[in-house]
PDB file of all heavy atoms in Angstrom:
ATOM      1  N   GLY A   1     -36.946  16.572  26.376  1.00  0.00           N
ATOM      2  CA  GLY A   1     -36.377  16.029  25.144  1.00  0.00           C
ATOM      3  C   GLY A   1     -37.108  14.809  24.632  1.00  0.00           C
ATOM      4  O   GLY A   1     -37.475  13.926  25.404  1.00  0.00           O
ATOM      5  N   ARG A   2     -37.318  14.765  23.318  1.00  0.00           N
ATOM      6  CA  ARG A   2     -37.979  13.608  22.711  1.00  0.00           C
ATOM      7  C   ARG A   2     -36.962  12.578  22.219  1.00  0.00           C
ATOM      8  O   ARG A   2     -37.058  11.402  22.544  1.00  0.00           O
ATOM      9  CB  ARG A   2     -38.863  14.066  21.540  1.00  0.00           C
ATOM     10  CG  ARG A   2     -40.073  14.875  21.975  1.00  0.00           C
ATOM     11  CD  ARG A   2     -40.984  15.181  20.795  1.00  0.00           C
ATOM     12  NE  ARG A   2     -42.131  15.988  21.208  1.00  0.00           N
ATOM     13  CZ  ARG A   2     -43.094  16.416  20.388  1.00  0.00           C
ATOM     14  NH1 ARG A   2     -43.025  16.100  19.090  1.00  0.00           N
ATOM     15  NH2 ARG A   2     -44.082  17.141  20.840  1.00  0.00           N
ATOM     16  N   HIS A   3     -36.010  13.027  21.434  1.00  0.00           N
ATOM     17  CA  HIS A   3     -34.988  12.115  20.919  1.00  0.00           C
ATOM     18  C   HIS A   3     -33.603  12.628  21.303  1.00  0.00           C
ATOM     19  O   HIS A   3     -33.422  13.812  21.588  1.00  0.00           O
ATOM     20  CB  HIS A   3     -35.095  11.978  19.395  1.00  0.00           C
ATOM     21  CG  HIS A   3     -36.320  11.245  18.954  1.00  0.00           C
ATOM     22  ND1 HIS A   3     -36.467   9.882  19.100  1.00  0.00           N
ATOM     23  CD2 HIS A   3     -37.460  11.688  18.362  1.00  0.00           C
ATOM     24  CE1 HIS A   3     -37.643   9.511  18.623  1.00  0.00           C
ATOM     25  NE2 HIS A   3     -38.261  10.580  18.170  1.00  0.00           N
ATOM     26  N   ALA A   4     -32.632  11.729  21.318  1.00  0.00           N
ATOM     27  CA  ALA A   4     -31.266  12.084  21.700  1.00  0.00           C
ATOM     28  C   ALA A   4     -30.297  11.103  21.066  1.00  0.00           C
ATOM     29  O   ALA A   4     -30.706  10.171  20.364  1.00  0.00           O
ATOM     30  CB  ALA A   4     -31.123  12.071  23.229  1.00  0.00           C
ATOM     31  N   ASN A   5     -29.024  11.328  21.321  1.00  0.00           N
ATOM     32  CA  ASN A   5     -27.977  10.386  20.932  1.00  0.00           C
ATOM     33  C   ASN A   5     -27.288   9.899  22.205  1.00  0.00           C
ATOM     34  O   ASN A   5     -26.214  10.394  22.566  1.00  0.00           O
ATOM     35  CB  ASN A   5     -26.946  11.047  20.007  1.00  0.00           C
ATOM     36  CG  ASN A   5     -27.524  11.403  18.659  1.00  0.00           C
ATOM     37  OD1 ASN A   5     -28.092  10.571  17.980  1.00  0.00           O
ATOM     38  ND2 ASN A   5     -27.394  12.659  18.278  1.00  0.00           N
ATOM     39  N   PRO A   6     -27.898   8.967  22.926  1.00  0.00           N
ATOM     40  CA  PRO A   6     -27.290   8.475  24.171  1.00  0.00           C
ATOM     41  C   PRO A   6     -25.890   7.925  23.920  1.00  0.00           C
ATOM     42  O   PRO A   6     -25.581   7.434  22.832  1.00  0.00           O
ATOM     43  CB  PRO A   6     -28.255   7.364  24.622  1.00  0.00           C
ATOM     44  CG  PRO A   6     -29.542   7.667  23.941  1.00  0.00           C
ATOM     45  CD  PRO A   6     -29.166   8.274  22.626  1.00  0.00           C
ATOM     46  N   ILE A   7     -25.039   8.019  24.943  1.00  0.00           N
ATOM     47  CA  ILE A   7     -23.637   7.625  24.812  1.00  0.00           C
ATOM     48  C   ILE A   7     -23.440   6.175  25.242  1.00  0.00           C
ATOM     49  O   ILE A   7     -23.831   5.789  26.347  1.00  0.00           O
ATOM     50  CB  ILE A   7     -22.726   8.532  25.655  1.00  0.00           C
ATOM     51  CG1 ILE A   7     -22.980  10.007  25.303  1.00  0.00           C
ATOM     52  CG2 ILE A   7     -21.273   8.169  25.440  1.00  0.00           C
ATOM     53  CD1 ILE A   7     -22.665  10.361  23.883  1.00  0.00           C
ATOM     54  N   VAL A   8     -22.826   5.395  24.368  1.00  0.00           N
ATOM     55  CA  VAL A   8     -22.468   4.012  24.690  1.00  0.00           C
ATOM     56  C   VAL A   8     -21.114   4.013  25.387  1.00  0.00           C
ATOM     57  O   VAL A   8     -20.131   4.524  24.848  1.00  0.00           O
ATOM     58  CB  VAL A   8     -22.393   3.142  23.420  1.00  0.00           C
ATOM     59  CG1 VAL A   8     -21.911   1.740  23.758  1.00  0.00           C
ATOM     60  CG2 VAL A   8     -23.752   3.079  22.737  1.00  0.00           C
ATOM     61  N   ILE A   9     -21.066   3.459  26.591  1.00  0.00           N
ATOM     62  CA  ILE A   9     -19.817   3.397  27.355  1.00  0.00           C
ATOM     63  C   ILE A   9     -19.231   1.997  27.234  1.00  0.00           C
ATOM     64  O   ILE A   9     -19.876   1.013  27.588  1.00  0.00           O
ATOM     65  CB  ILE A   9     -20.068   3.726  28.842  1.00  0.00           C
ATOM     66  CG1 ILE A   9     -20.718   5.106  28.973  1.00  0.00           C
ATOM     67  CG2 ILE A   9     -18.764   3.668  29.625  1.00  0.00           C
ATOM     68  CD1 ILE A   9     -19.871   6.246  28.474  1.00  0.00           C
ATOM     69  N   PRO A  10     -17.997   1.891  26.720  1.00  0.00           N
ATOM     70  CA  PRO A  10     -17.365   0.575  26.622  1.00  0.00           C
ATOM     71  C   PRO A  10     -17.252  -0.085  27.992  1.00  0.00           C
ATOM     72  O   PRO A  10     -17.116   0.614  29.004  1.00  0.00           O
ATOM     73  CB  PRO A  10     -15.965   0.903  26.067  1.00  0.00           C
ATOM     74  CG  PRO A  10     -16.108   2.248  25.425  1.00  0.00           C
ATOM     75  CD  PRO A  10     -17.137   2.967  26.230  1.00  0.00           C
ATOM     76  N   PRO A  11     -17.382  -1.416  28.070  1.00  0.00           N
ATOM     77  CA  PRO A  11     -17.410  -2.347  26.941  1.00  0.00           C
ATOM     78  C   PRO A  11     -18.814  -2.661  26.419  1.00  0.00           C
ATOM     79  O   PRO A  11     -18.952  -3.542  25.592  1.00  0.00           O
ATOM     80  CB  PRO A  11     -16.785  -3.595  27.554  1.00  0.00           C
ATOM     81  CG  PRO A  11     -17.253  -3.577  28.968  1.00  0.00           C
ATOM     82  CD  PRO A  11     -17.247  -2.138  29.369  1.00  0.00           C
ATOM     83  N   THR A  12     -19.862  -1.990  26.945  1.00  0.00           N
ATOM     84  CA  THR A  12     -21.205  -2.268  26.442  1.00  0.00           C
ATOM     85  C   THR A  12     -21.313  -1.808  24.994  1.00  0.00           C
ATOM     86  O   THR A  12     -20.490  -1.021  24.505  1.00  0.00           O
ATOM     87  CB  THR A  12     -22.279  -1.568  27.295  1.00  0.00           C
ATOM     88  OG1 THR A  12     -22.111  -0.141  27.206  1.00  0.00           O
ATOM     89  CG2 THR A  12     -22.192  -2.007  28.740  1.00  0.00           C
ATOM     90  N   VAL A  13     -22.355  -2.271  24.296  1.00  0.00           N
ATOM     91  CA  VAL A  13     -22.488  -1.956  22.879  1.00  0.00           C
ATOM     92  C   VAL A  13     -23.791  -1.236  22.553  1.00  0.00           C
ATOM     93  O   VAL A  13     -24.013  -0.889  21.393  1.00  0.00           O
ATOM     94  CB  VAL A  13     -22.371  -3.233  22.015  1.00  0.00           C
ATOM     95  CG1 VAL A  13     -21.027  -3.901  22.233  1.00  0.00           C
ATOM     96  CG2 VAL A  13     -23.513  -4.210  22.292  1.00  0.00           C
ATOM     97  N   ALA A  14     -24.648  -0.996  23.556  1.00  0.00           N
ATOM     98  CA  ALA A  14     -25.917  -0.347  23.253  1.00  0.00           C
ATOM     99  C   ALA A  14     -26.508   0.333  24.481  1.00  0.00           C
ATOM    100  O   ALA A  14     -26.251  -0.068  25.615  1.00  0.00           O
ATOM    101  CB  ALA A  14     -26.914  -1.364  22.695  1.00  0.00           C
ATOM    102  N   ILE A  15     -27.309   1.354  24.217  1.00  0.00           N
ATOM    103  CA  ILE A  15     -28.048   2.067  25.257  1.00  0.00           C
ATOM    104  C   ILE A  15     -29.373   2.529  24.663  1.00  0.00           C
ATOM    105  O   ILE A  15     -29.427   2.970  23.504  1.00  0.00           O
ATOM    106  CB  ILE A  15     -27.241   3.260  25.805  1.00  0.00           C
ATOM    107  CG1 ILE A  15     -28.058   4.039  26.848  1.00  0.00           C
ATOM    108  CG2 ILE A  15     -26.789   4.182  24.696  1.00  0.00           C
ATOM    109  CD1 ILE A  15     -27.279   5.153  27.530  1.00  0.00           C
ATOM    110  N   LEU A  16     -30.437   2.423  25.455  1.00  0.00           N
ATOM    111  CA  LEU A  16     -31.753   2.883  25.020  1.00  0.00           C
ATOM    112  C   LEU A  16     -32.115   4.161  25.761  1.00  0.00           C
ATOM    113  O   LEU A  16     -32.004   4.231  26.992  1.00  0.00           O
ATOM    114  CB  LEU A  16     -32.824   1.822  25.299  1.00  0.00           C
ATOM    115  CG  LEU A  16     -34.262   2.247  24.969  1.00  0.00           C
ATOM    116  CD1 LEU A  16     -34.456   2.328  23.455  1.00  0.00           C
ATOM    117  CD2 LEU A  16     -35.275   1.281  25.589  1.00  0.00           C
ATOM    118  N   GLY A  17     -32.538   5.166  25.010  1.00  0.00           N
ATOM    119  CA  GLY A  17     -33.019   6.402  25.601  1.00  0.00           C
ATOM    120  C   GLY A  17     -34.516   6.526  25.398  1.00  0.00           C
ATOM    121  O   GLY A  17     -35.021   6.358  24.291  1.00  0.00           O
ATOM    122  N   ALA A  18     -35.241   6.804  26.485  1.00  0.00           N
ATOM    123  CA  ALA A  18     -36.690   7.019  26.412  1.00  0.00           C
ATOM    124  C   ALA A  18     -36.959   8.504  26.589  1.00  0.00           C
ATOM    125  O   ALA A  18     -36.563   9.111  27.589  1.00  0.00           O
ATOM    126  CB  ALA A  18     -37.399   6.211  27.493  1.00  0.00           C
ATOM    127  N   GLY A  19     -37.614   9.111  25.607  1.00  0.00           N
ATOM    128  CA  GLY A  19     -37.839  10.548  25.625  1.00  0.00           C
ATOM    129  C   GLY A  19     -39.148  10.946  26.285  1.00  0.00           C
ATOM    130  O   GLY A  19     -39.854  10.134  26.885  1.00  0.00           O
ATOM    131  N   LEU A  20     -39.458  12.229  26.167  1.00  0.00           N
ATOM    132  CA  LEU A  20     -40.663  12.805  26.761  1.00  0.00           C
ATOM    133  C   LEU A  20     -41.899  12.399  25.963  1.00  0.00           C
ATOM    134  O   LEU A  20     -41.970  12.639  24.746  1.00  0.00           O
ATOM    135  CB  LEU A  20     -40.529  14.327  26.798  1.00  0.00           C
ATOM    136  CG  LEU A  20     -41.707  15.123  27.347  1.00  0.00           C
ATOM    137  CD1 LEU A  20     -41.898  14.832  28.837  1.00  0.00           C
ATOM    138  CD2 LEU A  20     -41.494  16.618  27.116  1.00  0.00           C
ATOM    139  N   CYS A  21     -42.871  11.787  26.613  1.00  0.00           N
ATOM    140  CA  CYS A  21     -44.113  11.386  25.949  1.00  0.00           C
ATOM    141  C   CYS A  21     -44.879  12.625  25.481  1.00  0.00           C
ATOM    142  O   CYS A  21     -44.829  13.683  26.106  1.00  0.00           O
ATOM    143  CB  CYS A  21     -44.981  10.567  26.890  1.00  0.00           C
ATOM    144  SG  CYS A  21     -44.279   8.973  27.336  1.00  0.00           S
ATOM    145  N   TYR A  22     -45.600  12.454  24.378  1.00  0.00           N
ATOM    146  CA  TYR A  22     -46.378  13.587  23.854  1.00  0.00           C
ATOM    147  C   TYR A  22     -47.613  13.072  23.126  1.00  0.00           C
ATOM    148  O   TYR A  22     -47.678  11.906  22.709  1.00  0.00           O
ATOM    149  CB  TYR A  22     -45.523  14.442  22.913  1.00  0.00           C
ATOM    150  CG  TYR A  22     -45.046  13.722  21.674  1.00  0.00           C
ATOM    151  CD1 TYR A  22     -45.710  13.848  20.449  1.00  0.00           C
ATOM    152  CD2 TYR A  22     -43.911  12.903  21.720  1.00  0.00           C
ATOM    153  CE1 TYR A  22     -45.266  13.197  19.310  1.00  0.00           C
ATOM    154  CE2 TYR A  22     -43.458  12.248  20.588  1.00  0.00           C
ATOM    155  CZ  TYR A  22     -44.139  12.401  19.382  1.00  0.00           C
ATOM    156  OH  TYR A  22     -43.704  11.755  18.255  1.00  0.00           O
ATOM    157  N   ASP A  23     -48.593  13.943  22.982  1.00  0.00           N
ATOM    158  CA  ASP A  23     -49.825  13.607  22.265  1.00  0.00           C
ATOM    159  C   ASP A  23     -49.692  14.014  20.807  1.00  0.00           C
ATOM    160  O   ASP A  23     -49.131  15.069  20.478  1.00  0.00           O
ATOM    161  CB  ASP A  23     -51.027  14.328  22.875  1.00  0.00           C
ATOM    162  CG  ASP A  23     -51.353  13.816  24.276  1.00  0.00           C
ATOM    163  OD1 ASP A  23     -51.022  12.649  24.562  1.00  0.00           O
ATOM    164  OD2 ASP A  23     -51.920  14.582  25.077  1.00  0.00           O
ATOM    165  N   ALA A  24     -50.216  13.153  19.913  1.00  0.00           N
ATOM    166  CA  ALA A  24     -50.164  13.443  18.484  1.00  0.00           C
ATOM    167  C   ALA A  24     -51.367  12.819  17.790  1.00  0.00           C
ATOM    168  O   ALA A  24     -51.968  11.857  18.294  1.00  0.00           O
ATOM    169  CB  ALA A  24     -48.873  12.916  17.879  1.00  0.00           C
ATOM    170  N   VAL A  25     -51.708  13.381  16.641  1.00  0.00           N
ATOM    171  CA  VAL A  25     -52.816  12.841  15.850  1.00  0.00           C
ATOM    172  C   VAL A  25     -52.294  11.658  15.038  1.00  0.00           C
ATOM    173  O   VAL A  25     -51.312  11.783  14.302  1.00  0.00           O
ATOM    174  CB  VAL A  25     -53.394  13.913  14.917  1.00  0.00           C
ATOM    175  CG1 VAL A  25     -54.496  13.299  14.039  1.00  0.00           C
ATOM    176  CG2 VAL A  25     -53.930  15.092  15.710  1.00  0.00           C
ATOM    177  N   VAL A  26     -52.942  10.495  15.178  1.00  0.00           N
ATOM    178  CA  VAL A  26     -52.557   9.289  14.458  1.00  0.00           C
ATOM    179  C   VAL A  26     -53.792   8.681  13.801  1.00  0.00           C
ATOM    180  O   VAL A  26     -54.924   8.904  14.263  1.00  0.00           O
ATOM    181  CB  VAL A  26     -51.916   8.251  15.414  1.00  0.00           C
ATOM    182  CG1 VAL A  26     -50.648   8.817  16.050  1.00  0.00           C
ATOM    183  CG2 VAL A  26     -52.905   7.822  16.486  1.00  0.00           C
ATOM    184  N   PRO A  27     -53.596   7.913  12.725  1.00  0.00           N
ATOM    185  CA  PRO A  27     -54.754   7.270  12.089  1.00  0.00           C
ATOM    186  C   PRO A  27     -55.180   6.016  12.861  1.00  0.00           C
ATOM    187  O   PRO A  27     -54.351   5.169  13.194  1.00  0.00           O
ATOM    188  CB  PRO A  27     -54.220   6.907  10.698  1.00  0.00           C
ATOM    189  CG  PRO A  27     -52.754   6.760  10.887  1.00  0.00           C
ATOM    190  CD  PRO A  27     -52.361   7.723  11.953  1.00  0.00           C
ATOM    191  N   VAL A  28     -56.444   5.923  13.168  1.00  0.00           N
ATOM    192  CA  VAL A  28     -57.005   4.754  13.846  1.00  0.00           C
ATOM    193  C   VAL A  28     -58.240   4.309  13.070  1.00  0.00           C
ATOM    194  O   VAL A  28     -59.243   5.042  13.024  1.00  0.00           O
ATOM    195  CB  VAL A  28     -57.373   5.066  15.312  1.00  0.00           C
ATOM    196  CG1 VAL A  28     -57.998   3.841  15.970  1.00  0.00           C
ATOM    197  CG2 VAL A  28     -56.153   5.530  16.090  1.00  0.00           C
TER     198      VAL A  28
END
């Protein structure tokens, strides 16, 4: 998985999800 909707469990207010790395063409 690349992106998701991670679940925030109270009483915390945020969670970070790191997805599957992939190769892509980018401008350099």
